[in-house]
Amino acid sequence: MRITRDIQSLSDFKQNASKFVKQVQETKEPLVLTVNGKPAVVVHDAESYQASVDREERLAEVALVRRRLDALANGAKRIPAEEVFRKIGKKYGIKFEK
């Protein structure tokens, strides 16, 4: 994201907080607050923020799967699922049924 959309000073935000919060909720666009003329804080509506967090988590999961697939393609050790379940069961006292 490029911080160029809606930029306001922290002082202006303090004086007009409810107006700016309403704007952010309606537009779903973040508001950048500056301190001494430099970007310092981003105000985001909760729904859009959660969507952003969800996207980041999904990207991290995809990256992990890609790394693991690459490792397998490059000869990483493979462990049968039954062995993994047996080890987990032994460690945590869980019985898995076949």
Protein backbone atom coordinates (compact mmCIF):
# COMPACT_ATOMS: atom_id res chain seq x y z
CA MET A 1 0.00 0.00 0.00
CA ARG A 2 1.28 3.44 -0.84
CA ILE A 3 0.58 5.97 1.85
CA THR A 4 -0.83 8.73 -0.31
CA ARG A 5 -4.62 8.50 -0.07
CA ASP A 6 -5.96 10.37 2.94
CA ILE A 7 -3.39 11.97 5.20
CA GLN A 8 -4.29 14.05 8.23
CA SER A 9 -2.34 15.38 11.16
CA LEU A 10 -2.79 13.74 14.53
CA SER A 11 -3.88 17.15 15.87
CA ASP A 12 -6.70 17.36 13.29
CA PHE A 13 -7.70 13.79 14.10
CA LYS A 14 -7.92 14.57 17.82
CA GLN A 15 -10.16 17.57 17.16
CA ASN A 16 -12.42 15.71 14.72
CA ALA A 17 -12.07 12.07 15.74
CA SER A 18 -15.72 11.09 15.32
CA LYS A 19 -15.84 12.64 11.84
CA PHE A 20 -12.72 10.78 10.73
CA VAL A 21 -13.84 7.48 12.27
CA LYS A 22 -17.16 7.77 10.42
CA GLN A 23 -15.27 8.52 7.18
CA VAL A 24 -13.03 5.46 7.60
CA GLN A 25 -16.01 3.23 8.37
CA GLU A 26 -17.97 4.47 5.36
CA THR A 27 -15.17 4.50 2.79
CA LYS A 28 -13.30 1.43 4.08
CA GLU A 29 -10.17 3.39 3.20
CA PRO A 30 -7.41 3.82 5.78
CA LEU A 31 -6.53 7.21 7.19
CA VAL A 32 -2.86 8.04 7.70
CA LEU A 33 -2.10 10.26 10.67
CA THR A 34 1.07 12.30 10.75
CA VAL A 35 3.19 13.55 13.61
CA ASN A 36 5.51 16.43 12.77
CA GLY A 37 4.63 15.98 9.11
CA LYS A 38 5.69 12.33 8.94
CA PRO A 39 3.38 9.29 8.66
CA ALA A 40 3.03 7.77 12.13
CA VAL A 41 -0.24 5.83 12.46
CA VAL A 42 -2.83 4.26 10.17
CA VAL A 43 -6.48 4.21 11.23
CA HIS A 44 -8.45 1.40 9.62
CA ASP A 45 -12.01 0.13 10.06
CA ALA A 46 -12.22 -3.18 11.90
CA GLU A 47 -13.75 -5.19 9.04
CA SER A 48 -11.13 -4.14 6.49
CA TYR A 49 -8.36 -4.65 9.02
CA GLN A 50 -9.56 -8.21 9.73
CA ALA A 51 -9.68 -8.93 6.00
CA SER A 52 -6.10 -7.69 5.73
CA VAL A 53 -4.99 -9.90 8.63
CA ASP A 54 -6.76 -12.89 7.04
CA ARG A 55 -4.97 -12.25 3.71
CA GLU A 56 -1.60 -12.05 5.45
CA GLU A 57 -2.24 -15.32 7.28
CA ARG A 58 -3.30 -17.01 4.05
CA LEU A 59 -0.17 -15.76 2.25
CA ALA A 60 1.99 -17.08 5.09
CA GLU A 61 0.27 -20.48 4.88
CA VAL A 62 0.75 -20.63 1.10
CA ALA A 63 4.43 -19.71 1.48
CA LEU A 64 4.90 -22.46 4.07
CA VAL A 65 3.26 -25.07 1.84
CA ARG A 66 5.44 -23.96 -1.09
CA ARG A 67 8.61 -24.24 1.02
CA ARG A 68 7.63 -27.72 2.19
CA LEU A 69 6.78 -28.87 -1.33
CA ASP A 70 10.12 -27.53 -2.55
CA ALA A 71 11.89 -29.37 0.27
CA LEU A 72 10.15 -32.62 -0.69
CA ALA A 73 11.03 -32.09 -4.33
CA ASN A 74 14.66 -31.64 -3.27
CA GLY A 75 14.80 -34.90 -1.35
CA ALA A 76 13.58 -34.01 2.16
CA LYS A 77 12.78 -37.02 4.36
CA ARG A 78 9.20 -38.22 4.11
CA ILE A 79 7.45 -39.68 7.14
CA PRO A 80 4.33 -41.83 6.68
CA ALA A 81 1.19 -40.35 8.27
CA GLU A 82 0.71 -43.47 10.41
CA GLU A 83 4.12 -42.92 12.00
CA VAL A 84 3.38 -39.25 12.67
CA PHE A 85 0.05 -40.13 14.32
CA ARG A 86 1.71 -42.88 16.37
CA LYS A 87 4.36 -40.46 17.67
CA ILE A 88 1.77 -37.78 18.47
CA GLY A 89 -0.44 -40.33 20.17
CA LYS A 90 2.44 -41.62 22.27
CA LYS A 91 3.55 -38.14 23.27
CA TYR A 92 0.07 -36.90 24.23
CA GLY A 93 -1.61 -40.16 25.27
CA ILE A 94 -4.05 -40.17 22.35
CA LYS A 95 -5.32 -43.31 20.67
CA PHE A 96 -5.94 -43.00 16.95
CA GLU A 97 -8.23 -45.54 15.32
CA LYS A 98 -7.48 -46.95 11.88
